Amino acid sequence: MDLMAYKEYLTQGNFSENSVKSYIYDVKNFETYLRDEYGLDIIKTKKAHILTYLVAMQKSGKSSSTIIRTVSTLRNFFTFLKNEKLIEDNPVINIRSPKQIKKKPPILTEEEIGELMMLPDKNTFKGIRDLAMLELMYSSGINVSELISIKIGQVNLSAGMIFIKGDKERIIPLSKYANEAISIYLNNFRKSEATNDDEYLFVNITGEPISRQGIWKMLKYYKRKMNLKKELSPMVLRSSFAVHLLSHGADLGTLKELMGLNSTGAAQHYLNNVEYKSLEVFKKTFPRS
């Protein structure tokens, strides 16, 4: 498409010379991407094409300001095309502003999670306790405050559930791995007097409830043992749970309920890690992409 008409439109709109150059530059970059990736003329653009382009920009390390400017440029450009009756619908009209796209939460890959779970020694009190905590944090998405507050009476291994108390009271399912680790921990490594429902589930070697500092110390140990370059924290495990769950088809409502989030909107934060895969799959598989 010839961009001269659009350039003239910008010039008449009292845009500065530098702004006009910037707008044309951004449109040309998108035009090149659309042609190279999809073999399409720019007037055939759909919303999904713009989303994949923004993802490609993120992956290539473009700054937030550059992406924000690009969305603004494309919104202006496609508004111009619609006003000129060259297109029927503006594909940018419902795309959220990049200002609302939060930084991706750091996560471990599923392979890294598997490697992490192989590290604790199941034959020792500390090892099986650590494994139980790691499996529970990852497979339920509970936060560290909830983890250290769990009492034995809140755990129902036969039903495969834990009742979480606090601000966001809820029942969460136990994965088979978490269930097995907690069962071994309780049946073989807790002191015999640990039968009171009011006893805290996770304790240190002296029998005291494990602290936040104890959790951080434990994670630091396995990070070093794993030679992991990424961050390893309760929040990373919680975020990994969320992103992996969404990647395997869970909906935002389910995620909200399991994690005790305030709203479905809060769950959308984790979609930033999922859209790379979903949009690339769309591009490769959708017949009219």
C-alpha atoms as a PDB file:
ATOM      1  CA  MET A   1       0.000   0.000   0.000  1.00  0.00           C
ATOM      2  CA  ASP A   2       1.171   3.524  -0.803  1.00  0.00           C
ATOM      3  CA  LEU A   3       1.620   5.475   2.437  1.00  0.00           C
ATOM      4  CA  MET A   4       1.745   8.894   0.779  1.00  0.00           C
ATOM      5  CA  ALA A   5      -1.925   9.602   1.515  1.00  0.00           C
ATOM      6  CA  TYR A   6      -1.416   8.761   5.165  1.00  0.00           C
ATOM      7  CA  LYS A   7       1.715  10.906   5.310  1.00  0.00           C
ATOM      8  CA  GLU A   8      -0.233  13.822   3.824  1.00  0.00           C
ATOM      9  CA  TYR A   9      -2.999  13.254   6.374  1.00  0.00           C
ATOM     10  CA  LEU A  10      -0.468  13.456   9.215  1.00  0.00           C
ATOM     11  CA  THR A  11       1.146  16.571   7.812  1.00  0.00           C
ATOM     12  CA  GLN A  12      -2.212  18.310   7.560  1.00  0.00           C
ATOM     13  CA  GLY A  13      -2.970  17.306  11.133  1.00  0.00           C
ATOM     14  CA  ASN A  14      -0.260  19.586  12.506  1.00  0.00           C
ATOM     15  CA  PHE A  15       2.032  16.725  13.505  1.00  0.00           C
ATOM     16  CA  SER A  16       5.674  17.683  13.763  1.00  0.00           C
ATOM     17  CA  GLU A  17       8.092  16.497  11.102  1.00  0.00           C
ATOM     18  CA  ASN A  18       9.697  14.086  13.566  1.00  0.00           C
ATOM     19  CA  SER A  19       6.294  12.701  14.594  1.00  0.00           C
ATOM     20  CA  VAL A  20       5.335  12.121  10.967  1.00  0.00           C
ATOM     21  CA  LYS A  21       8.617  10.251  10.348  1.00  0.00           C
ATOM     22  CA  SER A  22       8.063   8.173  13.475  1.00  0.00           C
ATOM     23  CA  TYR A  23       4.499   7.235  12.468  1.00  0.00           C
ATOM     24  CA  ILE A  24       5.531   6.256   8.954  1.00  0.00           C
ATOM     25  CA  TYR A  25       8.510   4.284  10.294  1.00  0.00           C
ATOM     26  CA  ASP A  26       6.288   2.279  12.669  1.00  0.00           C
ATOM     27  CA  VAL A  27       3.703   1.542  10.004  1.00  0.00           C
ATOM     28  CA  LYS A  28       6.371   0.413   7.546  1.00  0.00           C
ATOM     29  CA  ASN A  29       7.858  -1.929  10.150  1.00  0.00           C
ATOM     30  CA  PHE A  30       4.472  -3.514  10.750  1.00  0.00           C
ATOM     31  CA  GLU A  31       3.811  -3.678   7.007  1.00  0.00           C
ATOM     32  CA  THR A  32       7.090  -5.576   6.532  1.00  0.00           C
ATOM     33  CA  TYR A  33       6.274  -7.971   9.392  1.00  0.00           C
ATOM     34  CA  LEU A  34       2.797  -8.681   7.984  1.00  0.00           C
ATOM     35  CA  ARG A  35       4.156  -9.358   4.513  1.00  0.00           C
ATOM     36  CA  ASP A  36       7.055 -11.558   5.707  1.00  0.00           C
ATOM     37  CA  GLU A  37       5.075 -13.553   8.269  1.00  0.00           C
ATOM     38  CA  TYR A  38       1.669 -13.808   6.620  1.00  0.00           C
ATOM     39  CA  GLY A  39       2.085 -12.685   3.005  1.00  0.00           C
ATOM     40  CA  LEU A  40      -0.679 -10.099   3.491  1.00  0.00           C
ATOM     41  CA  ASP A  41      -1.278  -6.519   2.480  1.00  0.00           C
ATOM     42  CA  ILE A  42      -1.722  -4.203   5.443  1.00  0.00           C
ATOM     43  CA  ILE A  43      -5.409  -3.563   4.719  1.00  0.00           C
ATOM     44  CA  LYS A  44      -6.030  -7.290   5.432  1.00  0.00           C
ATOM     45  CA  THR A  45      -4.795  -6.905   9.015  1.00  0.00           C
ATOM     46  CA  LYS A  46      -6.743  -8.646  11.778  1.00  0.00           C
ATOM     47  CA  LYS A  47      -6.482  -8.133  15.526  1.00  0.00           C
ATOM     48  CA  ALA A  48      -4.508 -11.375  15.947  1.00  0.00           C
ATOM     49  CA  HIS A  49      -1.836 -10.138  13.520  1.00  0.00           C
ATOM     50  CA  ILE A  50      -1.265  -7.049  15.628  1.00  0.00           C
ATOM     51  CA  LEU A  51      -1.120  -9.114  18.818  1.00  0.00           C
ATOM     52  CA  THR A  52       1.482 -11.456  17.361  1.00  0.00           C
ATOM     53  CA  TYR A  53       3.460  -8.434  16.203  1.00  0.00           C
ATOM     54  CA  LEU A  54       3.454  -6.934  19.707  1.00  0.00           C
ATOM     55  CA  VAL A  55       4.552 -10.284  21.121  1.00  0.00           C
ATOM     56  CA  ALA A  56       7.372 -10.433  18.557  1.00  0.00           C
ATOM     57  CA  MET A  57       8.451  -6.961  19.634  1.00  0.00           C
ATOM     58  CA  GLN A  58       8.485  -8.047  23.283  1.00  0.00           C
ATOM     59  CA  LYS A  59      10.498 -11.145  22.483  1.00  0.00           C
ATOM     60  CA  SER A  60      13.036  -9.120  20.529  1.00  0.00           C
ATOM     61  CA  GLY A  61      13.601  -6.877  23.539  1.00  0.00           C
ATOM     62  CA  LYS A  62      11.810  -3.738  22.393  1.00  0.00           C
ATOM     63  CA  SER A  63      11.194  -1.269  25.215  1.00  0.00           C
ATOM     64  CA  SER A  64       7.752  -0.599  26.685  1.00  0.00           C
ATOM     65  CA  SER A  65       7.819   2.936  25.314  1.00  0.00           C
ATOM     66  CA  THR A  66       8.471   1.626  21.792  1.00  0.00           C
ATOM     67  CA  ILE A  67       5.579  -0.831  22.036  1.00  0.00           C
ATOM     68  CA  ILE A  68       3.262   1.830  23.455  1.00  0.00           C
ATOM     69  CA  ARG A  69       4.180   4.156  20.605  1.00  0.00           C
ATOM     70  CA  THR A  70       3.601   1.389  18.054  1.00  0.00           C
ATOM     71  CA  VAL A  71       0.099   0.666  19.316  1.00  0.00           C
ATOM     72  CA  SER A  72      -0.701   4.370  19.233  1.00  0.00           C
ATOM     73  CA  THR A  73       0.641   4.615  15.683  1.00  0.00           C
ATOM     74  CA  LEU A  74      -1.320   1.605  14.438  1.00  0.00           C
ATOM     75  CA  ARG A  75      -4.497   2.806  16.116  1.00  0.00           C
ATOM     76  CA  ASN A  76      -4.112   6.151  14.344  1.00  0.00           C
ATOM     77  CA  PHE A  77      -3.237   4.517  11.025  1.00  0.00           C
ATOM     78  CA  PHE A  78      -6.166   2.097  10.984  1.00  0.00           C
ATOM     79  CA  THR A  79      -8.538   4.861  12.073  1.00  0.00           C
ATOM     80  CA  PHE A  80      -7.346   6.758   9.002  1.00  0.00           C
ATOM     81  CA  LEU A  81      -7.975   3.710   6.777  1.00  0.00           C
ATOM     82  CA  LYS A  82     -11.476   3.268   8.215  1.00  0.00           C
ATOM     83  CA  ASN A  83     -12.299   6.937   7.698  1.00  0.00           C
ATOM     84  CA  GLU A  84     -11.110   6.582   4.114  1.00  0.00           C
ATOM     85  CA  LYS A  85     -13.388   3.526   3.794  1.00  0.00           C
ATOM     86  CA  LEU A  86     -10.422   1.315   2.907  1.00  0.00           C
ATOM     87  CA  ILE A  87     -11.272  -1.086   5.738  1.00  0.00           C
ATOM     88  CA  GLU A  88     -14.544  -1.920   7.513  1.00  0.00           C
ATOM     89  CA  ASP A  89     -13.263  -2.402  11.067  1.00  0.00           C
ATOM     90  CA  ASN A  90     -10.326  -1.001  13.001  1.00  0.00           C
ATOM     91  CA  PRO A  91      -8.369  -4.076  14.214  1.00  0.00           C
ATOM     92  CA  VAL A  92      -6.642  -2.065  16.959  1.00  0.00           C
ATOM     93  CA  ILE A  93      -9.780  -0.664  18.532  1.00  0.00           C
ATOM     94  CA  ASN A  94     -10.108  -3.266  21.328  1.00  0.00           C
ATOM     95  CA  ILE A  95      -6.430  -3.957  21.942  1.00  0.00           C
ATOM     96  CA  ARG A  96      -5.511  -3.031  25.499  1.00  0.00           C
ATOM     97  CA  SER A  97      -2.939  -0.371  26.038  1.00  0.00           C
ATOM     98  CA  PRO A  98       0.566  -1.733  26.681  1.00  0.00           C
ATOM     99  CA  LYS A  99       0.589   0.500  29.767  1.00  0.00           C
ATOM    100  CA  GLN A 100      -1.737  -2.074  31.279  1.00  0.00           C
ATOM    101  CA  ILE A 101       0.512  -5.003  30.415  1.00  0.00           C
ATOM    102  CA  LYS A 102       2.426  -5.735  33.566  1.00  0.00           C
ATOM    103  CA  LYS A 103       5.867  -7.220  33.645  1.00  0.00           C
ATOM    104  CA  LYS A 104       5.750 -10.946  33.151  1.00  0.00           C
ATOM    105  CA  PRO A 105       5.898 -12.818  36.448  1.00  0.00           C
ATOM    106  CA  PRO A 106       9.114 -14.868  36.669  1.00  0.00           C
ATOM    107  CA  ILE A 107       8.434 -18.582  36.390  1.00  0.00           C
ATOM    108  CA  LEU A 108      10.206 -21.915  36.123  1.00  0.00           C
ATOM    109  CA  THR A 109       9.593 -24.143  33.134  1.00  0.00           C
ATOM    110  CA  GLU A 110       7.859 -27.461  33.675  1.00  0.00           C
ATOM    111  CA  GLU A 111      11.202 -29.163  33.087  1.00  0.00           C
ATOM    112  CA  GLU A 112      12.842 -27.025  35.770  1.00  0.00           C
ATOM    113  CA  ILE A 113      10.031 -27.837  38.179  1.00  0.00           C
ATOM    114  CA  GLY A 114      10.627 -31.529  37.537  1.00  0.00           C
ATOM    115  CA  GLU A 115      14.345 -31.104  38.193  1.00  0.00           C
ATOM    116  CA  LEU A 116      13.659 -29.200  41.406  1.00  0.00           C
ATOM    117  CA  MET A 117      11.382 -31.912  42.770  1.00  0.00           C
ATOM    118  CA  MET A 118      14.100 -34.517  42.270  1.00  0.00           C
ATOM    119  CA  LEU A 119      16.512 -32.761  44.649  1.00  0.00           C
ATOM    120  CA  PRO A 120      15.088 -33.346  48.172  1.00  0.00           C
ATOM    121  CA  ASP A 121      16.139 -36.578  49.905  1.00  0.00           C
ATOM    122  CA  LYS A 122      12.939 -38.517  50.616  1.00  0.00           C
ATOM    123  CA  ASN A 123      14.713 -40.585  53.252  1.00  0.00           C
ATOM    124  CA  THR A 124      15.265 -37.725  55.689  1.00  0.00           C
ATOM    125  CA  PHE A 125      12.934 -35.528  57.724  1.00  0.00           C
ATOM    126  CA  LYS A 126      14.215 -32.345  56.102  1.00  0.00           C
ATOM    127  CA  GLY A 127      14.141 -33.781  52.597  1.00  0.00           C
ATOM    128  CA  ILE A 128      10.588 -35.131  52.663  1.00  0.00           C
ATOM    129  CA  ARG A 129       9.329 -32.030  54.483  1.00  0.00           C
ATOM    130  CA  ASP A 130      10.954 -29.806  51.854  1.00  0.00           C
ATOM    131  CA  LEU A 131       9.503 -31.906  49.055  1.00  0.00           C
ATOM    132  CA  ALA A 132       6.041 -31.708  50.599  1.00  0.00           C
ATOM    133  CA  MET A 133       6.278 -27.927  50.846  1.00  0.00           C
ATOM    134  CA  LEU A 134       7.654 -27.541  47.317  1.00  0.00           C
ATOM    135  CA  GLU A 135       5.006 -29.800  45.799  1.00  0.00           C
ATOM    136  CA  LEU A 136       2.266 -28.037  47.726  1.00  0.00           C
ATOM    137  CA  MET A 137       3.414 -24.538  46.773  1.00  0.00           C
ATOM    138  CA  TYR A 138       3.757 -25.452  43.121  1.00  0.00           C
ATOM    139  CA  SER A 139       0.639 -27.587  42.682  1.00  0.00           C
ATOM    140  CA  SER A 140      -1.779 -25.387  44.622  1.00  0.00           C
ATOM    141  CA  GLY A 141      -0.543 -21.831  44.139  1.00  0.00           C
ATOM    142  CA  ILE A 142      -0.854 -21.003  47.838  1.00  0.00           C
ATOM    143  CA  ASN A 143       1.248 -18.154  49.161  1.00  0.00           C
ATOM    144  CA  VAL A 144       3.902 -18.431  51.840  1.00  0.00           C
ATOM    145  CA  SER A 145       1.677 -17.008  54.602  1.00  0.00           C
ATOM    146  CA  GLU A 146      -0.914 -19.679  53.904  1.00  0.00           C
ATOM    147  CA  LEU A 147       1.736 -22.398  53.731  1.00  0.00           C
ATOM    148  CA  ILE A 148       3.262 -21.743  57.147  1.00  0.00           C
ATOM    149  CA  SER A 149      -0.179 -21.388  58.741  1.00  0.00           C
ATOM    150  CA  ILE A 150      -1.540 -24.789  57.693  1.00  0.00           C
ATOM    151  CA  LYS A 151      -2.444 -27.047  60.606  1.00  0.00           C
ATOM    152  CA  ILE A 152      -2.748 -30.817  60.471  1.00  0.00           C
ATOM    153  CA  GLY A 153      -6.516 -30.644  60.929  1.00  0.00           C
ATOM    154  CA  GLN A 154      -6.852 -28.710  57.673  1.00  0.00           C
ATOM    155  CA  VAL A 155      -5.395 -31.612  55.677  1.00  0.00           C
ATOM    156  CA  ASN A 156      -7.576 -34.420  54.366  1.00  0.00           C
ATOM    157  CA  LEU A 157      -5.291 -36.819  52.540  1.00  0.00           C
ATOM    158  CA  SER A 158      -7.971 -39.406  51.827  1.00  0.00           C
ATOM    159  CA  ALA A 159     -10.099 -36.768  50.089  1.00  0.00           C
ATOM    160  CA  GLY A 160      -7.017 -35.143  48.547  1.00  0.00           C
ATOM    161  CA  MET A 161      -7.834 -31.668  49.831  1.00  0.00           C
ATOM    162  CA  ILE A 162      -6.583 -28.924  52.143  1.00  0.00           C
ATOM    163  CA  PHE A 163      -8.801 -26.282  53.702  1.00  0.00           C
ATOM    164  CA  ILE A 164      -7.023 -22.939  53.555  1.00  0.00           C
ATOM    165  CA  LYS A 165      -7.977 -20.454  56.257  1.00  0.00           C
ATOM    166  CA  GLY A 166      -7.439 -16.711  56.346  1.00  0.00           C
ATOM    167  CA  ASP A 167      -8.641 -13.796  54.230  1.00  0.00           C
ATOM    168  CA  LYS A 168      -9.312 -16.072  51.253  1.00  0.00           C
ATOM    169  CA  GLU A 169     -10.744 -19.227  52.790  1.00  0.00           C
ATOM    170  CA  ARG A 170     -11.093 -21.988  50.241  1.00  0.00           C
ATOM    171  CA  ILE A 171     -10.597 -25.687  49.619  1.00  0.00           C
ATOM    172  CA  ILE A 172      -7.734 -26.617  47.315  1.00  0.00           C
ATOM    173  CA  PRO A 173      -7.122 -30.030  45.742  1.00  0.00           C
ATOM    174  CA  LEU A 174      -3.870 -31.846  46.451  1.00  0.00           C
ATOM    175  CA  SER A 175      -1.888 -33.157  43.507  1.00  0.00           C
ATOM    176  CA  LYS A 176      -0.929 -36.803  43.775  1.00  0.00           C
ATOM    177  CA  TYR A 177       2.700 -35.778  44.269  1.00  0.00           C
ATOM    178  CA  ALA A 178       1.887 -33.342  47.074  1.00  0.00           C
ATOM    179  CA  ASN A 179      -0.458 -35.880  48.658  1.00  0.00           C
ATOM    180  CA  GLU A 180       2.199 -38.602  48.586  1.00  0.00           C
ATOM    181  CA  ALA A 181       4.930 -36.351  49.994  1.00  0.00           C
ATOM    182  CA  ILE A 182       2.732 -35.030  52.820  1.00  0.00           C
ATOM    183  CA  SER A 183       1.601 -38.570  53.642  1.00  0.00           C
ATOM    184  CA  ILE A 184       5.179 -39.860  53.911  1.00  0.00           C
ATOM    185  CA  TYR A 185       6.160 -36.798  55.923  1.00  0.00           C
ATOM    186  CA  LEU A 186       3.329 -37.221  58.434  1.00  0.00           C
ATOM    187  CA  ASN A 187       3.423 -40.992  58.738  1.00  0.00           C
ATOM    188  CA  ASN A 188       7.167 -41.526  58.898  1.00  0.00           C
ATOM    189  CA  PHE A 189       9.002 -38.374  59.943  1.00  0.00           C
ATOM    190  CA  ARG A 190       6.842 -36.297  62.269  1.00  0.00           C
ATOM    191  CA  LYS A 191       7.173 -36.892  65.986  1.00  0.00           C
ATOM    192  CA  SER A 192       4.627 -39.331  67.384  1.00  0.00           C
ATOM    193  CA  GLU A 193       2.902 -36.597  69.382  1.00  0.00           C
ATOM    194  CA  ALA A 194       2.114 -34.727  66.159  1.00  0.00           C
ATOM    195  CA  THR A 195      -1.426 -36.066  66.094  1.00  0.00           C
ATOM    196  CA  ASN A 196      -3.201 -32.953  67.361  1.00  0.00           C
ATOM    197  CA  ASP A 197      -5.253 -31.257  64.656  1.00  0.00           C
ATOM    198  CA  ASP A 198      -4.063 -27.906  66.019  1.00  0.00           C
ATOM    199  CA  GLU A 199      -0.411 -28.780  65.383  1.00  0.00           C
ATOM    200  CA  TYR A 200       1.198 -26.875  62.520  1.00  0.00           C
ATOM    201  CA  LEU A 201       1.786 -29.082  59.507  1.00  0.00           C
ATOM    202  CA  PHE A 202       5.287 -27.915  58.672  1.00  0.00           C
ATOM    203  CA  VAL A 203       7.865 -27.619  61.438  1.00  0.00           C
ATOM    204  CA  ASN A 204      11.634 -27.267  61.657  1.00  0.00           C
ATOM    205  CA  ILE A 205      14.010 -29.833  63.153  1.00  0.00           C
ATOM    206  CA  THR A 206      13.307 -28.557  66.676  1.00  0.00           C
ATOM    207  CA  GLY A 207       9.567 -29.005  66.233  1.00  0.00           C
ATOM    208  CA  GLU A 208       8.760 -25.304  65.972  1.00  0.00           C
ATOM    209  CA  PRO A 209       6.472 -24.041  63.168  1.00  0.00           C
ATOM    210  CA  ILE A 210       8.557 -23.253  60.130  1.00  0.00           C
ATOM    211  CA  SER A 211       8.979 -19.535  59.483  1.00  0.00           C
ATOM    212  CA  ARG A 212       9.095 -17.387  56.375  1.00  0.00           C
ATOM    213  CA  GLN A 213      12.852 -17.198  56.856  1.00  0.00           C
ATOM    214  CA  GLY A 214      12.952 -20.985  56.966  1.00  0.00           C
ATOM    215  CA  ILE A 215      11.134 -21.195  53.639  1.00  0.00           C
ATOM    216  CA  TRP A 216      13.499 -18.688  52.025  1.00  0.00           C
ATOM    217  CA  LYS A 217      16.521 -20.519  53.409  1.00  0.00           C
ATOM    218  CA  MET A 218      15.197 -23.796  52.024  1.00  0.00           C
ATOM    219  CA  LEU A 219      14.601 -22.314  48.562  1.00  0.00           C
ATOM    220  CA  LYS A 220      18.027 -20.683  48.535  1.00  0.00           C
ATOM    221  CA  TYR A 221      19.584 -24.076  49.278  1.00  0.00           C
ATOM    222  CA  TYR A 222      17.833 -25.795  46.361  1.00  0.00           C
ATOM    223  CA  LYS A 223      18.509 -22.921  44.001  1.00  0.00           C
ATOM    224  CA  ARG A 224      22.213 -23.314  44.704  1.00  0.00           C
ATOM    225  CA  LYS A 225      22.039 -27.110  44.479  1.00  0.00           C
ATOM    226  CA  MET A 226      20.198 -26.859  41.170  1.00  0.00           C
ATOM    227  CA  ASN A 227      22.639 -24.217  39.882  1.00  0.00           C
ATOM    228  CA  LEU A 228      19.588 -22.221  38.878  1.00  0.00           C
ATOM    229  CA  LYS A 229      20.234 -18.794  37.384  1.00  0.00           C
ATOM    230  CA  LYS A 230      16.619 -17.690  37.771  1.00  0.00           C
ATOM    231  CA  GLU A 231      14.983 -16.431  40.928  1.00  0.00           C
ATOM    232  CA  LEU A 232      13.491 -19.123  43.166  1.00  0.00           C
ATOM    233  CA  SER A 233      10.923 -17.882  45.657  1.00  0.00           C
ATOM    234  CA  PRO A 234       7.444 -18.729  46.922  1.00  0.00           C
ATOM    235  CA  MET A 235       6.062 -16.213  44.405  1.00  0.00           C
ATOM    236  CA  VAL A 236       7.958 -17.864  41.534  1.00  0.00           C
ATOM    237  CA  LEU A 237       6.423 -21.230  42.430  1.00  0.00           C
ATOM    238  CA  ARG A 238       2.991 -19.614  42.749  1.00  0.00           C
ATOM    239  CA  SER A 239       3.370 -17.896  39.379  1.00  0.00           C
ATOM    240  CA  SER A 240       4.661 -21.104  37.780  1.00  0.00           C
ATOM    241  CA  PHE A 241       1.550 -22.921  39.003  1.00  0.00           C
ATOM    242  CA  ALA A 242      -0.688 -20.242  37.472  1.00  0.00           C
ATOM    243  CA  VAL A 243       1.050 -20.073  34.104  1.00  0.00           C
ATOM    244  CA  HIS A 244       1.357 -23.846  33.702  1.00  0.00           C
ATOM    245  CA  LEU A 245      -2.301 -24.295  34.623  1.00  0.00           C
ATOM    246  CA  LEU A 246      -3.381 -21.726  32.021  1.00  0.00           C
ATOM    247  CA  SER A 247      -1.049 -23.250  29.441  1.00  0.00           C
ATOM    248  CA  HIS A 248      -2.822 -26.584  29.863  1.00  0.00           C
ATOM    249  CA  GLY A 249      -6.257 -25.127  29.298  1.00  0.00           C
ATOM    250  CA  ALA A 250      -7.527 -23.849  32.664  1.00  0.00           C
ATOM    251  CA  ASP A 251      -9.813 -20.818  32.584  1.00  0.00           C
ATOM    252  CA  LEU A 252      -9.276 -17.610  34.540  1.00  0.00           C
ATOM    253  CA  GLY A 253     -12.243 -18.257  36.822  1.00  0.00           C
ATOM    254  CA  THR A 254     -10.773 -21.564  37.965  1.00  0.00           C
ATOM    255  CA  LEU A 255      -7.393 -19.955  38.536  1.00  0.00           C
ATOM    256  CA  LYS A 256      -8.985 -17.159  40.569  1.00  0.00           C
ATOM    257  CA  GLU A 257     -10.766 -19.682  42.787  1.00  0.00           C
ATOM    258  CA  LEU A 258      -7.755 -21.930  43.348  1.00  0.00           C
ATOM    259  CA  MET A 259      -5.354 -19.084  44.142  1.00  0.00           C
ATOM    260  CA  GLY A 260      -7.765 -17.011  46.215  1.00  0.00           C
ATOM    261  CA  LEU A 261      -7.423 -13.992  43.946  1.00  0.00           C
ATOM    262  CA  ASN A 262      -9.653 -10.955  44.368  1.00  0.00           C
ATOM    263  CA  SER A 263     -10.905 -10.925  40.801  1.00  0.00           C
ATOM    264  CA  THR A 264     -10.641 -12.616  37.432  1.00  0.00           C
ATOM    265  CA  GLY A 265      -8.769  -9.500  36.317  1.00  0.00           C
ATOM    266  CA  ALA A 266      -6.030 -10.296  38.808  1.00  0.00           C
ATOM    267  CA  ALA A 267      -5.622 -13.702  37.162  1.00  0.00           C
ATOM    268  CA  GLN A 268      -5.064 -12.048  33.766  1.00  0.00           C
ATOM    269  CA  HIS A 269      -1.624 -10.937  34.956  1.00  0.00           C
ATOM    270  CA  TYR A 270      -0.385 -14.475  34.349  1.00  0.00           C
ATOM    271  CA  LEU A 271      -1.584 -14.479  30.734  1.00  0.00           C
ATOM    272  CA  ASN A 272       1.500 -12.500  29.715  1.00  0.00           C
ATOM    273  CA  ASN A 273       3.495 -15.709  30.005  1.00  0.00           C
ATOM    274  CA  VAL A 274       0.951 -17.759  28.099  1.00  0.00           C
ATOM    275  CA  GLU A 275       0.213 -15.613  25.040  1.00  0.00           C
ATOM    276  CA  TYR A 276       3.553 -16.311  23.365  1.00  0.00           C
ATOM    277  CA  LYS A 277       2.615 -19.930  22.935  1.00  0.00           C
ATOM    278  CA  SER A 278      -1.064 -19.389  22.187  1.00  0.00           C
ATOM    279  CA  LEU A 279      -0.498 -16.728  19.560  1.00  0.00           C
ATOM    280  CA  GLU A 280       2.232 -18.708  17.850  1.00  0.00           C
ATOM    281  CA  VAL A 281      -0.081 -21.739  17.755  1.00  0.00           C
ATOM    282  CA  PHE A 282      -2.813 -19.516  16.305  1.00  0.00           C
ATOM    283  CA  LYS A 283      -0.478 -18.269  13.609  1.00  0.00           C
ATOM    284  CA  LYS A 284       0.532 -21.812  12.631  1.00  0.00           C
ATOM    285  CA  THR A 285      -2.811 -23.569  12.864  1.00  0.00           C
ATOM    286  CA  PHE A 286      -5.761 -21.238  12.378  1.00  0.00           C
ATOM    287  CA  PRO A 287      -6.881 -21.582   8.750  1.00  0.00           C
ATOM    288  CA  ARG A 288      -7.819 -17.932   8.332  1.00  0.00           C
ATOM    289  CA  SER A 289      -4.954 -16.376  10.290  1.00  0.00           C
END
